[in-house]
Amino acid sequence: MNMADVDSSKEHVDSGDVGLALLGFASGSMDALAFFHLGEVFPSAMTGNTALLGLALGQGDVIAASRPFIAFAGFLAGAAAASASVDLWLDKLPVPRAVCWLLALEACLLAAFALAWQLIGRPITGAGLYGFIVVASSGMGIQSVAARLAGRSGITTVVFTSTLTSIVTSATEAMLRRPHRLPFATKRQISMFLIYGAGAAVAGLLAAHGAWIAFLPFVAVTGAAGFHRRAGQKNGSGT
C-alpha cells in the first residue's frame, strides 16, 4: 500500500481532513454518551480508562473496574481486527479505499449500537451494559487504525494527549522564533482537538433529549467515509 496516495504535505484543508474531523466528532460524541449512560467509561480514550481501572482496583471495587477493563479489551479487539484486515485483505488497495472499508466496518458496529440503544431502556444495566461498551470501544479501535492509515502526520481521532503536547510545543516555538506563525500541521491538530470537544459537547447537551442521539457517531463516521471516498477519487485512486 502506497502512503503517497494521501498527500499530507499540502497546506490546505481537503476532503481527507474533513473526513478525519468527522471521525474526531464521532469519538467525542461516543465518549460523552458512554460516560453519561454506560458507567463512566470512554470508548476511545484508553488513557482515561486505564486511570479509571487503576482507581477502581485501588479502592477494591471490582464491579467499577470491570467497565473500563471491558472498554480497554474492546478497543484492543477492534484495533487488532482492523490491523489484521489491512494486513490480510486491504494491503493491495489504495489508502482511501482501504480507509473506507474500515470505516464501513465501524459504521456497521455503530449502527448496531444505535439501533439497540432505541430498544433498551435507561438506565442500561447488566449484560446489556457490557455489550454496549464492547461494541462502542471496538468501533473506536477500528477507527484508530483507519485514522492512522489515512497518513496525516500528528493527527489522531481517538487519543489527544500526545496531540496536545505537540500543539504546546509548536505554539511555544512559534512565540519564540520568527516568523511567529503556527505551522499548518499544528493548526490542523488544534482543529481536530476542538472538533473532538465539540462532539462531546453536542452529545452531552442532547443526551437527555431522546434516544436518537445514539445515531450521532454513526452519522459522523458515515460522512467521514464519504469524504475519504471523495479524496480517493480526487487522487485518482478509485473507490
Protein backbone atom coordinates (compact mmCIF):
# COMPACT_ATOMS: atom_id res chain seq x y z
CA MET A 1 0.00 0.00 0.00
CA ASN A 2 1.41 3.37 -1.03
CA MET A 3 1.01 6.04 1.64
CA ALA A 4 1.64 8.64 -1.04
CA ASP A 5 -1.94 8.04 -2.13
CA VAL A 6 -2.86 10.55 0.57
CA ASP A 7 -0.79 13.70 0.26
CA SER A 8 -0.36 15.09 3.76
CA SER A 9 2.13 17.77 2.77
CA LYS A 10 -0.28 20.21 1.11
CA GLU A 11 -1.12 23.12 3.35
CA HIS A 12 -4.84 23.33 2.72
CA VAL A 13 -7.95 21.62 4.05
CA ASP A 14 -9.13 18.84 1.76
CA SER A 15 -11.70 16.03 1.82
CA GLY A 16 -9.41 13.80 3.85
CA ASP A 17 -9.13 16.46 6.56
CA VAL A 18 -12.90 16.83 6.72
CA GLY A 19 -13.24 13.07 6.99
CA LEU A 20 -10.81 12.95 9.90
CA ALA A 21 -12.62 15.85 11.57
CA LEU A 22 -15.88 13.90 11.39
CA LEU A 23 -14.13 10.93 12.97
CA GLY A 24 -12.96 13.17 15.80
CA PHE A 25 -16.54 14.38 16.23
CA ALA A 26 -17.73 10.77 16.31
CA SER A 27 -15.27 9.75 19.02
CA GLY A 28 -16.08 12.83 21.11
CA SER A 29 -19.82 12.19 20.93
CA MET A 30 -19.36 8.47 21.69
CA ASP A 31 -17.18 9.23 24.71
CA ALA A 32 -19.84 11.59 26.07
CA LEU A 33 -22.66 9.10 25.51
CA ALA A 34 -20.72 6.32 27.21
CA PHE A 35 -19.65 8.49 30.14
CA PHE A 36 -23.23 9.52 30.89
CA HIS A 37 -25.01 6.24 30.17
CA LEU A 38 -22.50 3.36 30.26
CA GLY A 39 -20.94 3.65 33.67
CA GLU A 40 -18.47 6.49 33.11
CA VAL A 41 -16.16 4.84 30.59
CA PHE A 42 -14.51 6.22 27.45
CA PRO A 43 -14.76 4.04 24.33
CA SER A 44 -11.99 6.00 22.57
CA ALA A 45 -9.76 7.29 25.40
CA MET A 46 -7.73 4.39 26.70
CA THR A 47 -5.54 6.60 28.89
CA GLY A 48 -8.63 7.67 30.81
CA ASN A 49 -9.86 4.10 31.07
CA THR A 50 -6.51 2.96 32.42
CA ALA A 51 -6.71 5.62 35.13
CA LEU A 52 -10.31 4.64 35.97
CA LEU A 53 -9.31 0.97 36.10
CA GLY A 54 -6.43 1.70 38.45
CA LEU A 55 -8.58 3.86 40.72
CA ALA A 56 -11.32 1.23 40.94
CA LEU A 57 -8.86 -1.56 41.66
CA GLY A 58 -7.13 0.58 44.25
CA GLN A 59 -10.46 1.01 46.03
CA GLY A 60 -11.24 -2.68 45.75
CA ASP A 61 -14.30 -2.08 43.56
CA VAL A 62 -14.17 -4.94 41.07
CA ILE A 63 -17.53 -4.07 39.51
CA ALA A 64 -16.43 -0.50 38.74
CA ALA A 65 -13.12 -1.81 37.41
CA SER A 66 -14.87 -4.20 35.04
CA ARG A 67 -16.30 -1.41 32.89
CA PRO A 68 -13.03 0.32 31.89
CA PHE A 69 -11.43 -3.11 31.56
CA ILE A 70 -14.10 -4.22 29.07
CA ALA A 71 -13.72 -0.92 27.18
CA PHE A 72 -9.95 -1.46 27.03
CA ALA A 73 -10.39 -5.04 25.79
CA GLY A 74 -12.97 -3.99 23.20
CA PHE A 75 -10.74 -1.24 21.85
CA LEU A 76 -7.81 -3.64 21.53
CA ALA A 77 -10.02 -6.20 19.79
CA GLY A 78 -11.29 -3.63 17.29
CA ALA A 79 -7.81 -2.30 16.57
CA ALA A 80 -6.46 -5.83 16.18
CA ALA A 81 -9.27 -6.83 13.82
CA ALA A 82 -8.73 -3.70 11.72
CA SER A 83 -4.96 -4.23 11.60
CA ALA A 84 -5.45 -7.86 10.56
CA SER A 85 -7.89 -6.79 7.84
CA VAL A 86 -5.34 -4.34 6.45
CA ASP A 87 -2.58 -6.94 6.52
CA LEU A 88 -4.63 -9.80 5.05
CA TRP A 89 -7.11 -8.18 2.65
CA LEU A 90 -6.72 -4.43 2.25
CA ASP A 91 -2.97 -4.01 1.80
CA LYS A 92 -3.22 -4.07 -2.02
CA LEU A 93 -5.83 -1.32 -2.13
CA PRO A 94 -5.22 2.43 -2.42
CA VAL A 95 -5.19 4.07 1.01
CA PRO A 96 -8.50 5.97 0.69
CA ARG A 97 -10.30 2.82 -0.38
CA ALA A 98 -8.83 0.79 2.49
CA VAL A 99 -9.84 3.55 4.92
CA CYS A 100 -13.39 3.46 3.53
CA TRP A 101 -13.62 -0.29 4.09
CA LEU A 102 -12.51 0.09 7.70
CA LEU A 103 -14.96 2.93 8.27
CA ALA A 104 -17.73 0.83 6.74
CA LEU A 105 -16.96 -1.87 9.30
CA GLU A 106 -17.00 0.69 12.09
CA ALA A 107 -20.26 2.14 10.80
CA CYS A 108 -21.89 -1.30 10.96
CA LEU A 109 -20.95 -1.59 14.64
CA LEU A 110 -22.16 1.93 15.38
CA ALA A 111 -25.45 1.28 13.56
CA ALA A 112 -26.00 -1.82 15.69
CA PHE A 113 -25.15 0.26 18.77
CA ALA A 114 -27.67 2.97 17.85
CA LEU A 115 -30.45 0.54 16.95
CA ALA A 116 -30.03 -1.41 20.17
CA TRP A 117 -29.99 1.90 22.06
CA GLN A 118 -33.53 2.56 20.82
CA LEU A 119 -34.78 -0.75 22.19
CA ILE A 120 -33.20 -0.82 25.64
CA GLY A 121 -34.48 1.47 28.35
CA ARG A 122 -32.31 3.60 30.59
CA PRO A 123 -30.51 3.13 32.85
CA ILE A 124 -28.65 0.40 31.00
CA THR A 125 -27.54 -2.37 33.33
CA GLY A 126 -26.37 -5.98 33.39
CA ALA A 127 -25.12 -7.78 30.31
CA GLY A 128 -26.58 -5.11 28.05
CA LEU A 129 -24.28 -2.50 29.58
CA TYR A 130 -21.18 -4.55 28.80
CA GLY A 131 -22.45 -5.32 25.31
CA PHE A 132 -22.79 -1.62 24.53
CA ILE A 133 -19.31 -0.93 25.91
CA VAL A 134 -17.77 -3.68 23.78
CA VAL A 135 -19.45 -2.52 20.57
CA ALA A 136 -18.62 1.15 21.13
CA SER A 137 -15.00 0.60 22.09
CA SER A 138 -14.44 -1.93 19.28
CA GLY A 139 -15.70 0.66 16.80
CA MET A 140 -13.30 3.23 18.18
CA GLY A 141 -10.44 0.72 17.94
CA ILE A 142 -11.21 0.22 14.26
CA GLN A 143 -11.39 3.98 13.80
CA SER A 144 -7.95 4.45 15.36
CA VAL A 145 -6.42 2.17 12.72
CA ALA A 146 -8.35 3.87 9.91
CA ALA A 147 -7.18 7.33 11.02
CA ARG A 148 -3.60 6.15 11.25
CA LEU A 149 -3.86 4.60 7.81
CA ALA A 150 -5.06 7.91 6.39
CA GLY A 151 -1.49 9.11 6.86
CA ARG A 152 -1.95 12.63 8.25
CA SER A 153 1.14 13.26 10.36
CA GLY A 154 0.39 14.06 14.00
CA ILE A 155 -3.36 13.59 13.57
CA THR A 156 -5.36 11.22 15.73
CA THR A 157 -9.10 10.93 16.23
CA VAL A 158 -9.22 8.94 19.47
CA VAL A 159 -6.34 9.89 21.82
CA PHE A 160 -5.27 13.52 22.21
CA THR A 161 -2.64 13.61 24.95
CA SER A 162 0.29 13.42 22.53
CA THR A 163 -1.53 15.82 20.21
CA LEU A 164 -1.78 18.40 22.99
CA THR A 165 1.93 18.02 23.70
CA SER A 166 2.69 18.63 20.04
CA ILE A 167 0.38 21.67 19.94
CA VAL A 168 2.00 23.24 23.01
CA THR A 169 5.49 22.57 21.65
CA SER A 170 4.72 24.13 18.26
CA ALA A 171 2.91 27.09 19.82
CA THR A 172 5.86 27.77 22.13
CA GLU A 173 8.31 27.62 19.24
CA ALA A 174 6.09 29.97 17.22
CA MET A 175 6.14 32.52 20.03
CA LEU A 176 9.89 32.34 20.49
CA ARG A 177 11.03 32.15 16.87
CA ARG A 178 10.34 34.18 13.78
CA PRO A 179 8.14 34.43 11.80
CA HIS A 180 5.93 33.75 14.87
CA ARG A 181 3.48 31.69 12.89
CA LEU A 182 1.93 28.32 13.67
CA PRO A 183 2.66 25.56 11.14
CA PHE A 184 -0.32 24.34 9.15
CA ALA A 185 0.05 20.89 10.76
CA THR A 186 -0.40 22.45 14.20
CA LYS A 187 -3.49 24.36 13.09
CA ARG A 188 -4.88 21.06 11.83
CA GLN A 189 -4.16 19.42 15.20
CA ILE A 190 -5.85 22.25 17.09
CA SER A 191 -8.90 21.98 14.86
CA MET A 192 -9.09 18.22 15.40
CA PHE A 193 -8.89 18.61 19.17
CA LEU A 194 -11.62 21.29 19.18
CA ILE A 195 -13.87 19.16 16.97
CA TYR A 196 -13.47 16.22 19.35
CA GLY A 197 -14.55 18.56 22.16
CA ALA A 198 -17.48 19.80 20.07
CA GLY A 199 -18.66 16.23 19.55
CA ALA A 200 -18.58 15.60 23.29
CA ALA A 201 -20.36 18.90 23.99
CA VAL A 202 -23.14 18.26 21.47
CA ALA A 203 -23.73 14.73 22.74
CA GLY A 204 -23.66 15.96 26.33
CA LEU A 205 -26.18 18.71 25.64
CA LEU A 206 -28.55 16.45 23.73
CA ALA A 207 -28.09 13.19 25.65
CA ALA A 208 -31.26 13.69 27.67
CA HIS A 209 -33.40 14.71 24.69
CA GLY A 210 -34.08 11.34 23.08
CA ALA A 211 -32.54 8.02 22.16
CA TRP A 212 -31.93 9.25 18.61
CA ILE A 213 -28.71 10.91 19.79
CA ALA A 214 -27.08 7.46 19.69
CA PHE A 215 -27.10 7.75 15.89
CA LEU A 216 -24.78 10.77 16.03
CA PRO A 217 -21.48 8.79 15.93
CA PHE A 218 -22.84 6.58 13.14
CA VAL A 219 -23.82 9.57 11.01
CA ALA A 220 -20.42 11.20 11.56
CA VAL A 221 -18.50 8.05 10.59
CA THR A 222 -20.67 7.51 7.53
CA GLY A 223 -19.98 11.08 6.47
CA ALA A 224 -16.27 10.54 7.07
CA ALA A 225 -16.30 7.51 4.80
CA GLY A 226 -17.91 9.62 2.10
CA PHE A 227 -15.22 12.29 2.34
CA HIS A 228 -12.42 9.72 2.25
CA ARG A 229 -14.05 8.18 -0.82
CA ARG A 230 -14.08 11.61 -2.40
CA ALA A 231 -10.42 12.10 -1.50
CA GLY A 232 -9.61 8.84 -3.27
CA GLN A 233 -11.44 9.94 -6.37
CA LYS A 234 -9.58 13.25 -6.45
CA ASN A 235 -6.29 11.41 -6.14
CA GLY A 236 -7.26 9.10 -8.95
CA SER A 237 -7.03 6.03 -6.73
CA GLY A 238 -10.60 4.94 -7.14
CA THR A 239 -13.09 3.77 -4.52
